[in-house]
Amino acid sequence: MRERTVLDDVAGVAGGVVSLLVGMRREMEAMARAAAEAVIRRLDLVTREEFEVVRELAQRAREENERLAARIAALEGKQPPRDEVEGTAP
């Protein structure tokens, strides 16, 4: 009976140690996460959402630029350059 009580006590202490270690691990993870978030805030990084918005704006600007370049090329192909019309060609 005494042996069983000692084993129960050891098991209880071991369970308490495991619970303590799990709690310490969670606390350390929370501290590490908070430290990492503080570093990220100091670096002034953009969020994924902000990046995607700017990326979409850049894509639209590229498309508009290509559209306008094609329009200019088409207009230039239909009309002679300005200096040839005015008779100032070299």
PDB file of N, CA and C in Angstrom:
ATOM      1  N   MET A   1       0.827  -1.186   0.000  1.00  0.00           N
ATOM      2  CA  MET A   1       0.000   0.000   0.000  1.00  0.00           C
ATOM      3  C   MET A   1       0.875   1.254   0.000  1.00  0.00           C
ATOM      4  N   ARG A   2       1.909   1.238   0.772  1.00  0.00           N
ATOM      5  CA  ARG A   2       2.823   2.387   0.862  1.00  0.00           C
ATOM      6  C   ARG A   2       3.485   2.631  -0.487  1.00  0.00           C
ATOM      7  N   GLU A   3       3.820   1.582  -1.187  1.00  0.00           N
ATOM      8  CA  GLU A   3       4.466   1.674  -2.490  1.00  0.00           C
ATOM      9  C   GLU A   3       3.519   2.332  -3.508  1.00  0.00           C
ATOM     10  N   ARG A   4       2.268   1.977  -3.408  1.00  0.00           N
ATOM     11  CA  ARG A   4       1.273   2.542  -4.304  1.00  0.00           C
ATOM     12  C   ARG A   4       1.098   4.032  -4.026  1.00  0.00           C
ATOM     13  N   THR A   5       1.119   4.451  -2.804  1.00  0.00           N
ATOM     14  CA  THR A   5       0.988   5.854  -2.442  1.00  0.00           C
ATOM     15  C   THR A   5       2.171   6.654  -2.974  1.00  0.00           C
ATOM     16  N   VAL A   6       3.354   6.096  -2.869  1.00  0.00           N
ATOM     17  CA  VAL A   6       4.552   6.779  -3.369  1.00  0.00           C
ATOM     18  C   VAL A   6       4.454   6.936  -4.885  1.00  0.00           C
ATOM     19  N   LEU A   7       4.022   5.886  -5.575  1.00  0.00           N
ATOM     20  CA  LEU A   7       3.879   5.957  -7.025  1.00  0.00           C
ATOM     21  C   LEU A   7       2.813   6.970  -7.415  1.00  0.00           C
ATOM     22  N   ASP A   8       1.737   7.011  -6.676  1.00  0.00           N
ATOM     23  CA  ASP A   8       0.702   8.008  -6.945  1.00  0.00           C
ATOM     24  C   ASP A   8       1.242   9.424  -6.743  1.00  0.00           C
ATOM     25  N   ASP A   9       2.026   9.611  -5.706  1.00  0.00           N
ATOM     26  CA  ASP A   9       2.631  10.925  -5.452  1.00  0.00           C
ATOM     27  C   ASP A   9       3.594  11.317  -6.573  1.00  0.00           C
ATOM     28  N   VAL A  10       4.414  10.353  -7.003  1.00  0.00           N
ATOM     29  CA  VAL A  10       5.368  10.625  -8.085  1.00  0.00           C
ATOM     30  C   VAL A  10       4.611  10.956  -9.372  1.00  0.00           C
ATOM     31  N   ALA A  11       3.554  10.214  -9.660  1.00  0.00           N
ATOM     32  CA  ALA A  11       2.753  10.472 -10.846  1.00  0.00           C
ATOM     33  C   ALA A  11       2.105  11.854 -10.761  1.00  0.00           C
ATOM     34  N   GLY A  12       1.626  12.212  -9.598  1.00  0.00           N
ATOM     35  CA  GLY A  12       1.015  13.533  -9.418  1.00  0.00           C
ATOM     36  C   GLY A  12       2.029  14.645  -9.620  1.00  0.00           C
ATOM     37  N   VAL A  13       3.225  14.469  -9.069  1.00  0.00           N
ATOM     38  CA  VAL A  13       4.284  15.471  -9.239  1.00  0.00           C
ATOM     39  C   VAL A  13       4.685  15.552 -10.716  1.00  0.00           C
ATOM     40  N   ALA A  14       4.826  14.410 -11.376  1.00  0.00           N
ATOM     41  CA  ALA A  14       5.192  14.391 -12.788  1.00  0.00           C
ATOM     42  C   ALA A  14       4.124  15.096 -13.624  1.00  0.00           C
ATOM     43  N   GLY A  15       2.867  14.842 -13.318  1.00  0.00           N
ATOM     44  CA  GLY A  15       1.780  15.516 -14.025  1.00  0.00           C
ATOM     45  C   GLY A  15       1.831  17.021 -13.801  1.00  0.00           C
ATOM     46  N   GLY A  16       2.136  17.426 -12.597  1.00  0.00           N
ATOM     47  CA  GLY A  16       2.257  18.849 -12.290  1.00  0.00           C
ATOM     48  C   GLY A  16       3.411  19.491 -13.043  1.00  0.00           C
ATOM     49  N   VAL A  17       4.529  18.757 -13.145  1.00  0.00           N
ATOM     50  CA  VAL A  17       5.689  19.268 -13.876  1.00  0.00           C
ATOM     51  C   VAL A  17       5.340  19.425 -15.358  1.00  0.00           C
ATOM     52  N   VAL A  18       4.655  18.429 -15.910  1.00  0.00           N
ATOM     53  CA  VAL A  18       4.266  18.503 -17.318  1.00  0.00           C
ATOM     54  C   VAL A  18       3.338  19.701 -17.542  1.00  0.00           C
ATOM     55  N   SER A  19       2.380  19.887 -16.657  1.00  0.00           N
ATOM     56  CA  SER A  19       1.480  21.037 -16.779  1.00  0.00           C
ATOM     57  C   SER A  19       2.253  22.346 -16.687  1.00  0.00           C
ATOM     58  N   LEU A  20       3.195  22.403 -15.778  1.00  0.00           N
ATOM     59  CA  LEU A  20       4.025  23.593 -15.621  1.00  0.00           C
ATOM     60  C   LEU A  20       4.816  23.866 -16.890  1.00  0.00           C
ATOM     61  N   LEU A  21       5.417  22.825 -17.471  1.00  0.00           N
ATOM     62  CA  LEU A  21       6.212  22.982 -18.687  1.00  0.00           C
ATOM     63  C   LEU A  21       5.342  23.426 -19.865  1.00  0.00           C
ATOM     64  N   VAL A  22       4.152  22.862 -19.965  1.00  0.00           N
ATOM     65  CA  VAL A  22       3.236  23.263 -21.038  1.00  0.00           C
ATOM     66  C   VAL A  22       2.857  24.730 -20.873  1.00  0.00           C
ATOM     67  N   GLY A  23       2.578  25.125 -19.663  1.00  0.00           N
ATOM     68  CA  GLY A  23       2.244  26.524 -19.395  1.00  0.00           C
ATOM     69  C   GLY A  23       3.406  27.453 -19.715  1.00  0.00           C
ATOM     70  N   MET A  24       4.608  27.048 -19.349  1.00  0.00           N
ATOM     71  CA  MET A  24       5.791  27.852 -19.645  1.00  0.00           C
ATOM     72  C   MET A  24       6.000  27.959 -21.158  1.00  0.00           C
ATOM     73  N   ARG A  25       5.780  26.869 -21.868  1.00  0.00           N
ATOM     74  CA  ARG A  25       5.943  26.877 -23.322  1.00  0.00           C
ATOM     75  C   ARG A  25       4.956  27.865 -23.958  1.00  0.00           C
ATOM     76  N   ARG A  26       3.713  27.819 -23.520  1.00  0.00           N
ATOM     77  CA  ARG A  26       2.708  28.743 -24.066  1.00  0.00           C
ATOM     78  C   ARG A  26       3.070  30.187 -23.774  1.00  0.00           C
ATOM     79  N   GLU A  27       3.545  30.429 -22.569  1.00  0.00           N
ATOM     80  CA  GLU A  27       3.940  31.785 -22.186  1.00  0.00           C
ATOM     81  C   GLU A  27       5.118  32.267 -23.025  1.00  0.00           C
ATOM     82  N   MET A  28       6.095  31.401 -23.252  1.00  0.00           N
ATOM     83  CA  MET A  28       7.255  31.773 -24.067  1.00  0.00           C
ATOM     84  C   MET A  28       6.845  32.021 -25.522  1.00  0.00           C
ATOM     85  N   GLU A  29       5.932  31.208 -26.041  1.00  0.00           N
ATOM     86  CA  GLU A  29       5.435  31.432 -27.405  1.00  0.00           C
ATOM     87  C   GLU A  29       4.736  32.775 -27.512  1.00  0.00           C
ATOM     88  N   ALA A  30       3.935  33.107 -26.515  1.00  0.00           N
ATOM     89  CA  ALA A  30       3.230  34.383 -26.523  1.00  0.00           C
ATOM     90  C   ALA A  30       4.217  35.550 -26.454  1.00  0.00           C
ATOM     91  N   MET A  31       5.246  35.414 -25.640  1.00  0.00           N
ATOM     92  CA  MET A  31       6.263  36.463 -25.540  1.00  0.00           C
ATOM     93  C   MET A  31       7.024  36.604 -26.856  1.00  0.00           C
ATOM     94  N   ALA A  32       7.377  35.491 -27.479  1.00  0.00           N
ATOM     95  CA  ALA A  32       8.098  35.528 -28.756  1.00  0.00           C
ATOM     96  C   ALA A  32       7.224  36.157 -29.838  1.00  0.00           C
ATOM     97  N   ARG A  33       5.954  35.806 -29.854  1.00  0.00           N
ATOM     98  CA  ARG A  33       5.030  36.371 -30.837  1.00  0.00           C
ATOM     99  C   ARG A  33       4.902  37.884 -30.639  1.00  0.00           C
ATOM    100  N   ALA A  34       4.786  38.323 -29.396  1.00  0.00           N
ATOM    101  CA  ALA A  34       4.669  39.747 -29.107  1.00  0.00           C
ATOM    102  C   ALA A  34       5.944  40.488 -29.522  1.00  0.00           C
ATOM    103  N   ALA A  35       7.098  39.884 -29.270  1.00  0.00           N
ATOM    104  CA  ALA A  35       8.366  40.509 -29.663  1.00  0.00           C
ATOM    105  C   ALA A  35       8.469  40.600 -31.183  1.00  0.00           C
ATOM    106  N   ALA A  36       8.077  39.545 -31.880  1.00  0.00           N
ATOM    107  CA  ALA A  36       8.130  39.551 -33.341  1.00  0.00           C
ATOM    108  C   ALA A  36       7.179  40.606 -33.910  1.00  0.00           C
ATOM    109  N   GLU A  37       5.999  40.717 -33.358  1.00  0.00           N
ATOM    110  CA  GLU A  37       5.043  41.727 -33.820  1.00  0.00           C
ATOM    111  C   GLU A  37       5.572  43.128 -33.581  1.00  0.00           C
ATOM    112  N   ALA A  38       6.257  43.346 -32.464  1.00  0.00           N
ATOM    113  CA  ALA A  38       6.839  44.663 -32.187  1.00  0.00           C
ATOM    114  C   ALA A  38       7.923  44.997 -33.208  1.00  0.00           C
ATOM    115  N   VAL A  39       8.737  44.023 -33.560  1.00  0.00           N
ATOM    116  CA  VAL A  39       9.777  44.246 -34.571  1.00  0.00           C
ATOM    117  C   VAL A  39       9.138  44.572 -35.917  1.00  0.00           C
ATOM    118  N   ILE A  40       8.113  43.837 -36.276  1.00  0.00           N
ATOM    119  CA  ILE A  40       7.436  44.075 -37.558  1.00  0.00           C
ATOM    120  C   ILE A  40       6.833  45.478 -37.591  1.00  0.00           C
ATOM    121  N   ARG A  41       6.237  45.902 -36.488  1.00  0.00           N
ATOM    122  CA  ARG A  41       5.673  47.256 -36.442  1.00  0.00           C
ATOM    123  C   ARG A  41       6.757  48.317 -36.604  1.00  0.00           C
ATOM    124  N   ARG A  42       7.909  48.098 -35.979  1.00  0.00           N
ATOM    125  CA  ARG A  42       9.009  49.059 -36.092  1.00  0.00           C
ATOM    126  C   ARG A  42       9.567  49.108 -37.508  1.00  0.00           C
ATOM    127  N   LEU A  43       9.532  47.994 -38.217  1.00  0.00           N
ATOM    128  CA  LEU A  43      10.053  47.960 -39.580  1.00  0.00           C
ATOM    129  C   LEU A  43       9.118  48.652 -40.558  1.00  0.00           C
ATOM    130  N   ASP A  44       7.919  48.969 -40.134  1.00  0.00           N
ATOM    131  CA  ASP A  44       6.923  49.659 -40.954  1.00  0.00           C
ATOM    132  C   ASP A  44       6.624  48.872 -42.227  1.00  0.00           C
ATOM    133  N   LEU A  45       6.411  47.584 -42.066  1.00  0.00           N
ATOM    134  CA  LEU A  45       6.069  46.726 -43.193  1.00  0.00           C
ATOM    135  C   LEU A  45       4.604  46.901 -43.553  1.00  0.00           C
ATOM    136  N   VAL A  46       4.285  46.627 -44.800  1.00  0.00           N
ATOM    137  CA  VAL A  46       2.893  46.722 -45.236  1.00  0.00           C
ATOM    138  C   VAL A  46       2.201  45.381 -45.010  1.00  0.00           C
ATOM    139  N   THR A  47       0.900  45.446 -44.891  1.00  0.00           N
ATOM    140  CA  THR A  47       0.134  44.214 -44.747  1.00  0.00           C
ATOM    141  C   THR A  47      -0.059  43.582 -46.122  1.00  0.00           C
ATOM    142  N   ARG A  48      -0.449  42.347 -46.143  1.00  0.00           N
ATOM    143  CA  ARG A  48      -0.705  41.641 -47.398  1.00  0.00           C
ATOM    144  C   ARG A  48      -1.804  42.347 -48.180  1.00  0.00           C
ATOM    145  N   GLU A  49      -2.835  42.821 -47.472  1.00  0.00           N
ATOM    146  CA  GLU A  49      -3.939  43.497 -48.133  1.00  0.00           C
ATOM    147  C   GLU A  49      -3.475  44.788 -48.805  1.00  0.00           C
ATOM    148  N   GLU A  50      -2.650  45.566 -48.098  1.00  0.00           N
ATOM    149  CA  GLU A  50      -2.119  46.798 -48.678  1.00  0.00           C
ATOM    150  C   GLU A  50      -1.265  46.501 -49.907  1.00  0.00           C
ATOM    151  N   PHE A  51      -0.447  45.462 -49.812  1.00  0.00           N
ATOM    152  CA  PHE A  51       0.399  45.072 -50.939  1.00  0.00           C
ATOM    153  C   PHE A  51      -0.443  44.696 -52.146  1.00  0.00           C
ATOM    154  N   GLU A  52      -1.499  43.922 -51.924  1.00  0.00           N
ATOM    155  CA  GLU A  52      -2.353  43.491 -53.028  1.00  0.00           C
ATOM    156  C   GLU A  52      -3.049  44.681 -53.692  1.00  0.00           C
ATOM    157  N   VAL A  53      -3.467  45.669 -52.908  1.00  0.00           N
ATOM    158  CA  VAL A  53      -4.113  46.854 -53.471  1.00  0.00           C
ATOM    159  C   VAL A  53      -3.132  47.603 -54.371  1.00  0.00           C
ATOM    160  N   VAL A  54      -1.923  47.821 -53.891  1.00  0.00           N
ATOM    161  CA  VAL A  54      -0.923  48.543 -54.683  1.00  0.00           C
ATOM    162  C   VAL A  54      -0.546  47.737 -55.922  1.00  0.00           C
ATOM    163  N   ARG A  55      -0.454  46.434 -55.776  1.00  0.00           N
ATOM    164  CA  ARG A  55      -0.138  45.581 -56.917  1.00  0.00           C
ATOM    165  C   ARG A  55      -1.217  45.691 -58.005  1.00  0.00           C
ATOM    166  N   GLU A  56      -2.464  45.698 -57.583  1.00  0.00           N
ATOM    167  CA  GLU A  56      -3.575  45.836 -58.525  1.00  0.00           C
ATOM    168  C   GLU A  56      -3.523  47.200 -59.225  1.00  0.00           C
ATOM    169  N   LEU A  57      -3.229  48.258 -58.474  1.00  0.00           N
ATOM    170  CA  LEU A  57      -3.104  49.591 -59.074  1.00  0.00           C
ATOM    171  C   LEU A  57      -1.970  49.632 -60.092  1.00  0.00           C
ATOM    172  N   ALA A  58      -0.854  49.014 -59.766  1.00  0.00           N
ATOM    173  CA  ALA A  58       0.280  48.974 -60.696  1.00  0.00           C
ATOM    174  C   ALA A  58      -0.079  48.200 -61.959  1.00  0.00           C
ATOM    175  N   GLN A  59      -0.776  47.097 -61.797  1.00  0.00           N
ATOM    176  CA  GLN A  59      -1.200  46.310 -62.961  1.00  0.00           C
ATOM    177  C   GLN A  59      -2.124  47.133 -63.861  1.00  0.00           C
ATOM    178  N   ARG A  60      -3.062  47.830 -63.266  1.00  0.00           N
ATOM    179  CA  ARG A  60      -3.969  48.675 -64.058  1.00  0.00           C
ATOM    180  C   ARG A  60      -3.198  49.784 -64.776  1.00  0.00           C
ATOM    181  N   ALA A  61      -2.230  50.380 -64.081  1.00  0.00           N
ATOM    182  CA  ALA A  61      -1.425  51.439 -64.696  1.00  0.00           C
ATOM    183  C   ALA A  61      -0.619  50.889 -65.870  1.00  0.00           C
ATOM    184  N   ARG A  62      -0.053  49.690 -65.732  1.00  0.00           N
ATOM    185  CA  ARG A  62       0.682  49.068 -66.841  1.00  0.00           C
ATOM    186  C   ARG A  62      -0.234  48.826 -68.026  1.00  0.00           C
ATOM    187  N   GLU A  63      -1.424  48.314 -67.764  1.00  0.00           N
ATOM    188  CA  GLU A  63      -2.372  48.050 -68.839  1.00  0.00           C
ATOM    189  C   GLU A  63      -2.773  49.338 -69.539  1.00  0.00           C
ATOM    190  N   GLU A  64      -3.023  50.396 -68.779  1.00  0.00           N
ATOM    191  CA  GLU A  64      -3.379  51.690 -69.360  1.00  0.00           C
ATOM    192  C   GLU A  64      -2.215  52.235 -70.182  1.00  0.00           C
ATOM    193  N   ASN A  65      -1.009  52.084 -69.675  1.00  0.00           N
ATOM    194  CA  ASN A  65       0.179  52.549 -70.389  1.00  0.00           C
ATOM    195  C   ASN A  65       0.329  51.811 -71.723  1.00  0.00           C
ATOM    196  N   GLU A  66       0.120  50.505 -71.706  1.00  0.00           N
ATOM    197  CA  GLU A  66       0.204  49.721 -72.943  1.00  0.00           C
ATOM    198  C   GLU A  66      -0.895  50.135 -73.926  1.00  0.00           C
ATOM    199  N   ARG A  67      -2.091  50.372 -73.412  1.00  0.00           N
ATOM    200  CA  ARG A  67      -3.200  50.788 -74.264  1.00  0.00           C
ATOM    201  C   ARG A  67      -2.908  52.138 -74.915  1.00  0.00           C
ATOM    202  N   LEU A  68      -2.417  53.071 -74.117  1.00  0.00           N
ATOM    203  CA  LEU A  68      -2.100  54.394 -74.652  1.00  0.00           C
ATOM    204  C   LEU A  68      -0.925  54.344 -75.626  1.00  0.00           C
ATOM    205  N   ALA A  69       0.079  53.505 -75.347  1.00  0.00           N
ATOM    206  CA  ALA A  69       1.215  53.366 -76.264  1.00  0.00           C
ATOM    207  C   ALA A  69       0.747  52.815 -77.603  1.00  0.00           C
ATOM    208  N   ALA A  70      -0.162  51.848 -77.582  1.00  0.00           N
ATOM    209  CA  ALA A  70      -0.689  51.294 -78.825  1.00  0.00           C
ATOM    210  C   ALA A  70      -1.506  52.351 -79.566  1.00  0.00           C
ATOM    211  N   ARG A  71      -2.254  53.149 -78.855  1.00  0.00           N
ATOM    212  CA  ARG A  71      -3.054  54.205 -79.480  1.00  0.00           C
ATOM    213  C   ARG A  71      -2.151  55.254 -80.133  1.00  0.00           C
ATOM    214  N   ILE A  72      -1.097  55.635 -79.415  1.00  0.00           N
ATOM    215  CA  ILE A  72      -0.148  56.602 -79.972  1.00  0.00           C
ATOM    216  C   ILE A  72       0.504  56.036 -81.224  1.00  0.00           C
ATOM    217  N   ALA A  73       0.923  54.771 -81.153  1.00  0.00           N
ATOM    218  CA  ALA A  73       1.548  54.146 -82.317  1.00  0.00           C
ATOM    219  C   ALA A  73       0.592  54.123 -83.492  1.00  0.00           C
ATOM    220  N   ALA A  74      -0.671  53.838 -83.245  1.00  0.00           N
ATOM    221  CA  ALA A  74      -1.666  53.811 -84.320  1.00  0.00           C
ATOM    222  C   ALA A  74      -1.860  55.211 -84.897  1.00  0.00           C
ATOM    223  N   LEU A  75      -1.942  56.211 -84.040  1.00  0.00           N
ATOM    224  CA  LEU A  75      -2.113  57.585 -84.516  1.00  0.00           C
ATOM    225  C   LEU A  75      -0.887  58.063 -85.285  1.00  0.00           C
ATOM    226  N   GLU A  76       0.286  57.715 -84.807  1.00  0.00           N
ATOM    227  CA  GLU A  76       1.510  58.114 -85.506  1.00  0.00           C
ATOM    228  C   GLU A  76       1.627  57.412 -86.849  1.00  0.00           C
ATOM    229  N   GLY A  77       1.101  56.217 -86.946  1.00  0.00           N
ATOM    230  CA  GLY A  77       1.140  55.490 -88.207  1.00  0.00           C
ATOM    231  C   GLY A  77       0.188  56.084 -89.231  1.00  0.00           C
ATOM    232  N   LYS A  78      -0.858  56.746 -88.816  1.00  0.00           N
ATOM    233  CA  LYS A  78      -1.852  57.319 -89.712  1.00  0.00           C
ATOM    234  C   LYS A  78      -1.473  58.726 -90.157  1.00  0.00           C
ATOM    235  N   GLN A  79      -0.699  59.419 -89.354  1.00  0.00           N
ATOM    236  CA  GLN A  79      -0.343  60.794 -89.672  1.00  0.00           C
ATOM    237  C   GLN A  79       1.170  60.902 -89.820  1.00  0.00           C
ATOM    238  N   PRO A  80       1.643  61.720 -90.751  1.00  0.00           N
ATOM    239  CA  PRO A  80       3.089  61.921 -90.865  1.00  0.00           C
ATOM    240  C   PRO A  80       3.589  62.694 -89.653  1.00  0.00           C
ATOM    241  N   PRO A  81       4.858  62.535 -89.336  1.00  0.00           N
ATOM    242  CA  PRO A  81       5.410  63.307 -88.210  1.00  0.00           C
ATOM    243  C   PRO A  81       5.208  64.797 -88.434  1.00  0.00           C
ATOM    244  N   ARG A  82       5.119  65.527 -87.378  1.00  0.00           N
ATOM    245  CA  ARG A  82       4.761  66.944 -87.411  1.00  0.00           C
ATOM    246  C   ARG A  82       5.739  67.778 -88.241  1.00  0.00           C
ATOM    247  N   ASP A  83       7.049  67.512 -88.160  1.00  0.00           N
ATOM    248  CA  ASP A  83       8.024  68.324 -88.878  1.00  0.00           C
ATOM    249  C   ASP A  83       7.917  68.126 -90.398  1.00  0.00           C
ATOM    250  N   GLU A  84       7.427  66.970 -90.858  1.00  0.00           N
ATOM    251  CA  GLU A  84       7.247  66.761 -92.290  1.00  0.00           C
ATOM    252  C   GLU A  84       6.041  67.535 -92.809  1.00  0.00           C
ATOM    253  N   VAL A  85       5.025  67.689 -92.017  1.00  0.00           N
ATOM    254  CA  VAL A  85       3.821  68.420 -92.416  1.00  0.00           C
ATOM    255  C   VAL A  85       4.144  69.908 -92.562  1.00  0.00           C
ATOM    256  N   GLU A  86       4.938  70.426 -91.651  1.00  0.00           N
ATOM    257  CA  GLU A  86       5.252  71.857 -91.636  1.00  0.00           C
ATOM    258  C   GLU A  86       6.381  72.195 -92.591  1.00  0.00           C
ATOM    259  N   GLY A  87       6.998  71.175 -93.198  1.00  0.00           N
ATOM    260  CA  GLY A  87       8.077  71.434 -94.135  1.00  0.00           C
ATOM    261  C   GLY A  87       9.383  71.763 -93.467  1.00  0.00           C
ATOM    262  N   THR A  88       9.554  71.326 -92.230  1.00  0.00           N
ATOM    263  CA  THR A  88      10.789  71.614 -91.513  1.00  0.00           C
ATOM    264  C   THR A  88      11.661  70.392 -91.377  1.00  0.00           C
ATOM    265  N   ALA A  89      11.441  69.405 -92.226  1.00  0.00           N
ATOM    266  CA  ALA A  89      12.244  68.193 -92.128  1.00  0.00           C
ATOM    267  C   ALA A  89      13.670  68.495 -92.524  1.00  0.00           C
ATOM    268  N   PRO A  90      14.636  67.900 -91.881  1.00  0.00           N
ATOM    269  CA  PRO A  90      16.039  68.170 -92.208  1.00  0.00           C
ATOM    270  C   PRO A  90      16.431  67.637 -93.558  1.00  0.00           C
TER     271      PRO A  90
END
